């Protein structure tokens, strides 16, 4: 199973992006603070990677998972049509 990572916080509110995420049928991880330097984003993702890996292994479907600046999940939403 694969996943996507983005900084687009409004993805689930845009019909085309939401439809694409549902069609892909995989989780989309969103960094809650998108205006960070690349190094800061990398640190957050390194912290979150074990949790992200577990989530992808245990869950199916198109999920939107927000990751805060501490690398923790701040929300999880299952996308439906």
PDB file of N, CA and C in Angstrom:
ATOM      1  N   UNK A   1       0.853  -1.182   0.000  1.00  0.00           N
ATOM      2  CA  UNK A   1       0.000   0.000   0.000  1.00  0.00           C
ATOM      3  C   UNK A   1       0.891   1.234   0.000  1.00  0.00           C
ATOM      4  N   UNK A   2       0.467   2.232  -0.706  1.00  0.00           N
ATOM      5  CA  UNK A   2       1.225   3.481  -0.759  1.00  0.00           C
ATOM      6  C   UNK A   2       0.379   4.616  -0.194  1.00  0.00           C
ATOM      7  N   UNK A   3       0.988   5.773  -0.078  1.00  0.00           N
ATOM      8  CA  UNK A   3       0.307   6.955   0.448  1.00  0.00           C
ATOM      9  C   UNK A   3       0.867   8.185  -0.247  1.00  0.00           C
ATOM     10  N   UNK A   4       0.189   9.296  -0.054  1.00  0.00           N
ATOM     11  CA  UNK A   4       0.649  10.577  -0.595  1.00  0.00           C
ATOM     12  C   UNK A   4       0.916  11.533   0.555  1.00  0.00           C
ATOM     13  N   UNK A   5       1.783  12.504   0.302  1.00  0.00           N
ATOM     14  CA  UNK A   5       2.094  13.548   1.282  1.00  0.00           C
ATOM     15  C   UNK A   5       1.944  14.887   0.580  1.00  0.00           C
ATOM     16  N   UNK A   6       1.284  15.836   1.257  1.00  0.00           N
ATOM     17  CA  UNK A   6       1.074  17.156   0.667  1.00  0.00           C
ATOM     18  C   UNK A   6       1.042  18.234   1.750  1.00  0.00           C
ATOM     19  N   UNK A   7       1.069  19.474   1.303  1.00  0.00           N
ATOM     20  CA  UNK A   7       0.893  20.616   2.204  1.00  0.00           C
ATOM     21  C   UNK A   7      -0.471  21.272   1.983  1.00  0.00           C
ATOM     22  N   UNK A   8      -1.272  20.731   1.072  1.00  0.00           N
ATOM     23  CA  UNK A   8      -2.569  21.305   0.699  1.00  0.00           C
ATOM     24  C   UNK A   8      -3.628  20.984   1.756  1.00  0.00           C
ATOM     25  N   UNK A   9      -3.825  21.898   2.691  1.00  0.00           N
ATOM     26  CA  UNK A   9      -4.760  21.669   3.793  1.00  0.00           C
ATOM     27  C   UNK A   9      -6.218  21.612   3.352  1.00  0.00           C
ATOM     28  N   UNK A  10      -6.554  22.198   2.217  1.00  0.00           N
ATOM     29  CA  UNK A  10      -7.948  22.262   1.776  1.00  0.00           C
ATOM     30  C   UNK A  10      -8.312  21.177   0.772  1.00  0.00           C
ATOM     31  N   UNK A  11      -7.480  20.179   0.620  1.00  0.00           N
ATOM     32  CA  UNK A  11      -7.695  19.128  -0.372  1.00  0.00           C
ATOM     33  C   UNK A  11      -9.085  18.514  -0.271  1.00  0.00           C
ATOM     34  N   UNK A  12      -9.555  18.210   0.923  1.00  0.00           N
ATOM     35  CA  UNK A  12     -10.838  17.510   1.041  1.00  0.00           C
ATOM     36  C   UNK A  12     -12.038  18.386   0.716  1.00  0.00           C
ATOM     37  N   UNK A  13     -11.832  19.698   0.563  1.00  0.00           N
ATOM     38  CA  UNK A  13     -12.931  20.601   0.228  1.00  0.00           C
ATOM     39  C   UNK A  13     -12.998  20.923  -1.260  1.00  0.00           C
ATOM     40  N   UNK A  14     -12.025  20.500  -2.022  1.00  0.00           N
ATOM     41  CA  UNK A  14     -11.995  20.761  -3.460  1.00  0.00           C
ATOM     42  C   UNK A  14     -12.478  19.508  -4.192  1.00  0.00           C
ATOM     43  N   UNK A  15     -13.576  19.620  -4.943  1.00  0.00           N
ATOM     44  CA  UNK A  15     -14.180  18.421  -5.548  1.00  0.00           C
ATOM     45  C   UNK A  15     -13.236  17.584  -6.410  1.00  0.00           C
ATOM     46  N   UNK A  16     -12.437  18.205  -7.244  1.00  0.00           N
ATOM     47  CA  UNK A  16     -11.548  17.420  -8.126  1.00  0.00           C
ATOM     48  C   UNK A  16     -10.454  16.710  -7.339  1.00  0.00           C
ATOM     49  N   UNK A  17      -9.842  17.423  -6.398  1.00  0.00           N
ATOM     50  CA  UNK A  17      -8.785  16.812  -5.595  1.00  0.00           C
ATOM     51  C   UNK A  17      -9.346  15.701  -4.720  1.00  0.00           C
ATOM     52  N   UNK A  18     -10.528  15.950  -4.146  1.00  0.00           N
ATOM     53  CA  UNK A  18     -11.170  14.934  -3.312  1.00  0.00           C
ATOM     54  C   UNK A  18     -11.492  13.696  -4.147  1.00  0.00           C
ATOM     55  N   UNK A  19     -12.045  13.891  -5.341  1.00  0.00           N
ATOM     56  CA  UNK A  19     -12.372  12.765  -6.220  1.00  0.00           C
ATOM     57  C   UNK A  19     -11.120  11.975  -6.594  1.00  0.00           C
ATOM     58  N   UNK A  20     -10.026  12.670  -6.845  1.00  0.00           N
ATOM     59  CA  UNK A  20      -8.768  11.990  -7.184  1.00  0.00           C
ATOM     60  C   UNK A  20      -8.260  11.170  -6.002  1.00  0.00           C
ATOM     61  N   UNK A  21      -8.372  11.723  -4.797  1.00  0.00           N
ATOM     62  CA  UNK A  21      -7.931  10.995  -3.604  1.00  0.00           C
ATOM     63  C   UNK A  21      -8.789   9.752  -3.385  1.00  0.00           C
ATOM     64  N   UNK A  22     -10.103   9.889  -3.576  1.00  0.00           N
ATOM     65  CA  UNK A  22     -10.997   8.742  -3.419  1.00  0.00           C
ATOM     66  C   UNK A  22     -10.687   7.685  -4.471  1.00  0.00           C
ATOM     67  N   UNK A  23     -10.490   8.104  -5.711  1.00  0.00           N
ATOM     68  CA  UNK A  23     -10.181   7.163  -6.795  1.00  0.00           C
ATOM     69  C   UNK A  23      -8.872   6.423  -6.538  1.00  0.00           C
ATOM     70  N   UNK A  24      -7.900   7.113  -5.962  1.00  0.00           N
ATOM     71  CA  UNK A  24      -6.610   6.477  -5.658  1.00  0.00           C
ATOM     72  C   UNK A  24      -6.765   5.458  -4.538  1.00  0.00           C
ATOM     73  N   UNK A  25      -7.712   5.705  -3.630  1.00  0.00           N
ATOM     74  CA  UNK A  25      -7.986   4.752  -2.561  1.00  0.00           C
ATOM     75  C   UNK A  25      -6.862   4.573  -1.573  1.00  0.00           C
ATOM     76  N   UNK A  26      -6.087   5.615  -1.364  1.00  0.00           N
ATOM     77  CA  UNK A  26      -4.970   5.499  -0.428  1.00  0.00           C
ATOM     78  C   UNK A  26      -4.934   6.721   0.491  1.00  0.00           C
ATOM     79  N   UNK A  27      -4.247   6.604   1.616  1.00  0.00           N
ATOM     80  CA  UNK A  27      -4.165   7.726   2.546  1.00  0.00           C
ATOM     81  C   UNK A  27      -3.392   8.909   1.966  1.00  0.00           C
ATOM     82  N   UNK A  28      -3.797  10.089   2.378  1.00  0.00           N
ATOM     83  CA  UNK A  28      -3.092  11.320   2.029  1.00  0.00           C
ATOM     84  C   UNK A  28      -2.712  11.989   3.349  1.00  0.00           C
ATOM     85  N   UNK A  29      -1.429  12.152   3.582  1.00  0.00           N
ATOM     86  CA  UNK A  29      -0.934  12.807   4.788  1.00  0.00           C
ATOM     87  C   UNK A  29      -0.686  14.276   4.474  1.00  0.00           C
ATOM     88  N   UNK A  30      -1.223  15.150   5.325  1.00  0.00           N
ATOM     89  CA  UNK A  30      -1.118  16.590   5.102  1.00  0.00           C
ATOM     90  C   UNK A  30      -0.354  17.229   6.254  1.00  0.00           C
ATOM     91  N   UNK A  31       0.681  17.972   5.920  1.00  0.00           N
ATOM     92  CA  UNK A  31       1.401  18.741   6.936  1.00  0.00           C
ATOM     93  C   UNK A  31       0.552  19.957   7.289  1.00  0.00           C
ATOM     94  N   UNK A  32       0.235  20.120   8.576  1.00  0.00           N
ATOM     95  CA  UNK A  32      -0.678  21.190   8.976  1.00  0.00           C
ATOM     96  C   UNK A  32      -0.072  22.570   8.824  1.00  0.00           C
ATOM     97  N   UNK A  33       1.218  22.668   8.901  1.00  0.00           N
ATOM     98  CA  UNK A  33       1.872  23.960   8.731  1.00  0.00           C
ATOM     99  C   UNK A  33       2.688  23.888   7.447  1.00  0.00           C
ATOM    100  N   UNK A  34       2.169  24.473   6.388  1.00  0.00           N
ATOM    101  CA  UNK A  34       2.772  24.319   5.079  1.00  0.00           C
ATOM    102  C   UNK A  34       3.888  25.277   4.744  1.00  0.00           C
ATOM    103  N   UNK A  35       4.081  26.315   5.548  1.00  0.00           N
ATOM    104  CA  UNK A  35       5.090  27.323   5.200  1.00  0.00           C
ATOM    105  C   UNK A  35       6.405  27.095   5.944  1.00  0.00           C
ATOM    106  N   UNK A  36       6.814  25.853   6.040  1.00  0.00           N
ATOM    107  CA  UNK A  36       8.059  25.509   6.728  1.00  0.00           C
ATOM    108  C   UNK A  36       9.185  25.297   5.721  1.00  0.00           C
ATOM    109  N   UNK A  37      10.392  25.437   6.202  1.00  0.00           N
ATOM    110  CA  UNK A  37      11.556  25.132   5.369  1.00  0.00           C
ATOM    111  C   UNK A  37      11.617  23.624   5.152  1.00  0.00           C
ATOM    112  N   UNK A  38      12.297  23.222   4.106  1.00  0.00           N
ATOM    113  CA  UNK A  38      12.397  21.800   3.762  1.00  0.00           C
ATOM    114  C   UNK A  38      12.964  20.978   4.916  1.00  0.00           C
ATOM    115  N   UNK A  39      13.953  21.526   5.618  1.00  0.00           N
ATOM    116  CA  UNK A  39      14.575  20.799   6.734  1.00  0.00           C
ATOM    117  C   UNK A  39      13.569  20.550   7.848  1.00  0.00           C
ATOM    118  N   UNK A  40      12.734  21.538   8.144  1.00  0.00           N
ATOM    119  CA  UNK A  40      11.727  21.395   9.197  1.00  0.00           C
ATOM    120  C   UNK A  40      10.675  20.363   8.792  1.00  0.00           C
ATOM    121  N   UNK A  41      10.253  20.401   7.525  1.00  0.00           N
ATOM    122  CA  UNK A  41       9.282  19.410   7.048  1.00  0.00           C
ATOM    123  C   UNK A  41       9.873  18.007   7.122  1.00  0.00           C
ATOM    124  N   UNK A  42      11.134  17.870   6.767  1.00  0.00           N
ATOM    125  CA  UNK A  42      11.791  16.563   6.832  1.00  0.00           C
ATOM    126  C   UNK A  42      11.833  16.048   8.265  1.00  0.00           C
ATOM    127  N   UNK A  43      12.137  16.914   9.223  1.00  0.00           N
ATOM    128  CA  UNK A  43      12.164  16.506  10.634  1.00  0.00           C
ATOM    129  C   UNK A  43      10.795  16.017  11.086  1.00  0.00           C
ATOM    130  N   UNK A  44       9.748  16.730  10.703  1.00  0.00           N
ATOM    131  CA  UNK A  44       8.387  16.336  11.071  1.00  0.00           C
ATOM    132  C   UNK A  44       8.058  14.972  10.473  1.00  0.00           C
ATOM    133  N   UNK A  45       8.382  14.780   9.209  1.00  0.00           N
ATOM    134  CA  UNK A  45       8.074  13.510   8.553  1.00  0.00           C
ATOM    135  C   UNK A  45       8.880  12.355   9.131  1.00  0.00           C
ATOM    136  N   UNK A  46      10.117  12.602   9.514  1.00  0.00           N
ATOM    137  CA  UNK A  46      10.921  11.551  10.154  1.00  0.00           C
ATOM    138  C   UNK A  46      10.276  11.143  11.475  1.00  0.00           C
ATOM    139  N   UNK A  47       9.800  12.118  12.249  1.00  0.00           N
ATOM    140  CA  UNK A  47       9.114  11.806  13.513  1.00  0.00           C
ATOM    141  C   UNK A  47       7.830  11.028  13.263  1.00  0.00           C
ATOM    142  N   UNK A  48       7.105  11.403  12.212  1.00  0.00           N
ATOM    143  CA  UNK A  48       5.798  10.803  11.940  1.00  0.00           C
ATOM    144  C   UNK A  48       5.877   9.470  11.205  1.00  0.00           C
ATOM    145  N   UNK A  49       7.003   9.163  10.592  1.00  0.00           N
ATOM    146  CA  UNK A  49       7.098   7.987   9.724  1.00  0.00           C
ATOM    147  C   UNK A  49       6.657   6.672  10.372  1.00  0.00           C
ATOM    148  N   UNK A  50       7.063   6.345  11.598  1.00  0.00           N
ATOM    149  CA  UNK A  50       6.587   5.083  12.180  1.00  0.00           C
ATOM    150  C   UNK A  50       5.061   5.043  12.310  1.00  0.00           C
ATOM    151  N   UNK A  51       4.467   6.135  12.734  1.00  0.00           N
ATOM    152  CA  UNK A  51       3.013   6.214  12.879  1.00  0.00           C
ATOM    153  C   UNK A  51       2.336   6.128  11.497  1.00  0.00           C
ATOM    154  N   UNK A  52       2.915   6.800  10.511  1.00  0.00           N
ATOM    155  CA  UNK A  52       2.370   6.761   9.153  1.00  0.00           C
ATOM    156  C   UNK A  52       2.413   5.334   8.605  1.00  0.00           C
ATOM    157  N   UNK A  53       3.515   4.653   8.807  1.00  0.00           N
ATOM    158  CA  UNK A  53       3.671   3.283   8.324  1.00  0.00           C
ATOM    159  C   UNK A  53       2.633   2.364   8.951  1.00  0.00           C
ATOM    160  N   UNK A  54       2.445   2.477  10.269  1.00  0.00           N
ATOM    161  CA  UNK A  54       1.431   1.662  10.952  1.00  0.00           C
ATOM    162  C   UNK A  54       0.042   1.948  10.400  1.00  0.00           C
ATOM    163  N   UNK A  55      -0.263   3.223  10.206  1.00  0.00           N
ATOM    164  CA  UNK A  55      -1.581   3.598   9.704  1.00  0.00           C
ATOM    165  C   UNK A  55      -1.836   2.987   8.327  1.00  0.00           C
ATOM    166  N   UNK A  56      -0.874   3.084   7.439  1.00  0.00           N
ATOM    167  CA  UNK A  56      -1.032   2.550   6.079  1.00  0.00           C
ATOM    168  C   UNK A  56      -1.214   1.034   6.113  1.00  0.00           C
ATOM    169  N   UNK A  57      -0.507   0.353   6.992  1.00  0.00           N
ATOM    170  CA  UNK A  57      -0.622  -1.106   7.086  1.00  0.00           C
ATOM    171  C   UNK A  57      -1.969  -1.543   7.649  1.00  0.00           C
ATOM    172  N   UNK A  58      -2.531  -0.766   8.566  1.00  0.00           N
ATOM    173  CA  UNK A  58      -3.743  -1.169   9.280  1.00  0.00           C
ATOM    174  C   UNK A  58      -5.044  -0.651   8.673  1.00  0.00           C
ATOM    175  N   UNK A  59      -4.974   0.312   7.782  1.00  0.00           N
ATOM    176  CA  UNK A  59      -6.186   0.936   7.259  1.00  0.00           C
ATOM    177  C   UNK A  59      -6.208   0.892   5.741  1.00  0.00           C
ATOM    178  N   UNK A  60      -7.413   0.801   5.203  1.00  0.00           N
ATOM    179  CA  UNK A  60      -7.593   0.859   3.757  1.00  0.00           C
ATOM    180  C   UNK A  60      -8.502   2.031   3.426  1.00  0.00           C
ATOM    181  N   UNK A  61      -8.471   2.446   2.199  1.00  0.00           N
ATOM    182  CA  UNK A  61      -9.354   3.519   1.757  1.00  0.00           C
ATOM    183  C   UNK A  61      -8.648   4.854   1.669  1.00  0.00           C
ATOM    184  N   UNK A  62      -9.428   5.822   1.244  1.00  0.00           N
ATOM    185  CA  UNK A  62      -8.914   7.183   1.054  1.00  0.00           C
ATOM    186  C   UNK A  62      -9.098   7.981   2.340  1.00  0.00           C
ATOM    187  N   UNK A  63      -8.051   8.123   3.070  1.00  0.00           N
ATOM    188  CA  UNK A  63      -8.049   8.875   4.321  1.00  0.00           C
ATOM    189  C   UNK A  63      -7.284  10.176   4.140  1.00  0.00           C
ATOM    190  N   UNK A  64      -7.707  11.194   4.878  1.00  0.00           N
ATOM    191  CA  UNK A  64      -6.946  12.432   5.006  1.00  0.00           C
ATOM    192  C   UNK A  64      -6.444  12.451   6.443  1.00  0.00           C
ATOM    193  N   UNK A  65      -5.144  12.493   6.616  1.00  0.00           N
ATOM    194  CA  UNK A  65      -4.537  12.498   7.945  1.00  0.00           C
ATOM    195  C   UNK A  65      -3.675  13.740   8.063  1.00  0.00           C
ATOM    196  N   UNK A  66      -3.994  14.578   9.038  1.00  0.00           N
ATOM    197  CA  UNK A  66      -3.207  15.794   9.252  1.00  0.00           C
ATOM    198  C   UNK A  66      -2.092  15.504  10.246  1.00  0.00           C
ATOM    199  N   UNK A  67      -0.899  15.998   9.948  1.00  0.00           N
ATOM    200  CA  UNK A  67       0.272  15.800  10.804  1.00  0.00           C
ATOM    201  C   UNK A  67       0.689  17.158  11.349  1.00  0.00           C
ATOM    202  N   UNK A  68       0.760  17.265  12.686  1.00  0.00           N
ATOM    203  CA  UNK A  68       1.143  18.543  13.291  1.00  0.00           C
ATOM    204  C   UNK A  68       2.663  18.710  13.314  1.00  0.00           C
ATOM    205  N   UNK A  69       3.120  19.810  13.855  1.00  0.00           N
ATOM    206  CA  UNK A  69       4.554  20.119  13.842  1.00  0.00           C
ATOM    207  C   UNK A  69       5.375  19.208  14.756  1.00  0.00           C
ATOM    208  N   UNK A  70       4.701  18.438  15.610  1.00  0.00           N
ATOM    209  CA  UNK A  70       5.396  17.474  16.468  1.00  0.00           C
ATOM    210  C   UNK A  70       5.464  16.087  15.830  1.00  0.00           C
ATOM    211  N   UNK A  71       4.889  15.948  14.635  1.00  0.00           N
ATOM    212  CA  UNK A  71       4.880  14.657  13.962  1.00  0.00           C
ATOM    213  C   UNK A  71       3.741  13.759  14.390  1.00  0.00           C
ATOM    214  N   UNK A  72       2.757  14.313  15.101  1.00  0.00           N
ATOM    215  CA  UNK A  72       1.601  13.545  15.574  1.00  0.00           C
ATOM    216  C   UNK A  72       0.406  13.814  14.673  1.00  0.00           C
ATOM    217  N   UNK A  73      -0.517  12.853  14.638  1.00  0.00           N
ATOM    218  CA  UNK A  73      -1.734  13.029  13.852  1.00  0.00           C
ATOM    219  C   UNK A  73      -2.674  13.962  14.611  1.00  0.00           C
ATOM    220  N   UNK A  74      -3.116  15.024  13.962  1.00  0.00           N
ATOM    221  CA  UNK A  74      -4.047  15.938  14.615  1.00  0.00           C
ATOM    222  C   UNK A  74      -5.493  15.651  14.216  1.00  0.00           C
ATOM    223  N   UNK A  75      -5.706  14.955  13.101  1.00  0.00           N
ATOM    224  CA  UNK A  75      -7.052  14.518  12.721  1.00  0.00           C
ATOM    225  C   UNK A  75      -6.958  13.462  11.632  1.00  0.00           C
ATOM    226  N   UNK A  76      -8.021  12.646  11.554  1.00  0.00           N
ATOM    227  CA  UNK A  76      -8.126  11.609  10.525  1.00  0.00           C
ATOM    228  C   UNK A  76      -9.555  11.626   9.999  1.00  0.00           C
ATOM    229  N   UNK A  77      -9.703  11.690   8.684  1.00  0.00           N
ATOM    230  CA  UNK A  77     -11.025  11.716   8.063  1.00  0.00           C
ATOM    231  C   UNK A  77     -11.044  10.717   6.913  1.00  0.00           C
ATOM    232  N   UNK A  78     -12.027   9.821   6.919  1.00  0.00           N
ATOM    233  CA  UNK A  78     -12.201   8.891   5.808  1.00  0.00           C
ATOM    234  C   UNK A  78     -13.021   9.593   4.737  1.00  0.00           C
ATOM    235  N   UNK A  79     -12.481   9.689   3.530  1.00  0.00           N
ATOM    236  CA  UNK A  79     -13.181  10.355   2.431  1.00  0.00           C
ATOM    237  C   UNK A  79     -14.192   9.414   1.793  1.00  0.00           C
ATOM    238  N   UNK A  80     -15.369   9.953   1.518  1.00  0.00           N
ATOM    239  CA  UNK A  80     -16.400   9.207   0.805  1.00  0.00           C
ATOM    240  C   UNK A  80     -16.952  10.082  -0.306  1.00  0.00           C
ATOM    241  N   UNK A  81     -17.539   9.454  -1.293  1.00  0.00           N
ATOM    242  CA  UNK A  81     -18.063  10.201  -2.457  1.00  0.00           C
ATOM    243  C   UNK A  81     -19.267  11.017  -2.140  1.00  0.00           C
TER     244      UNK A  81
END
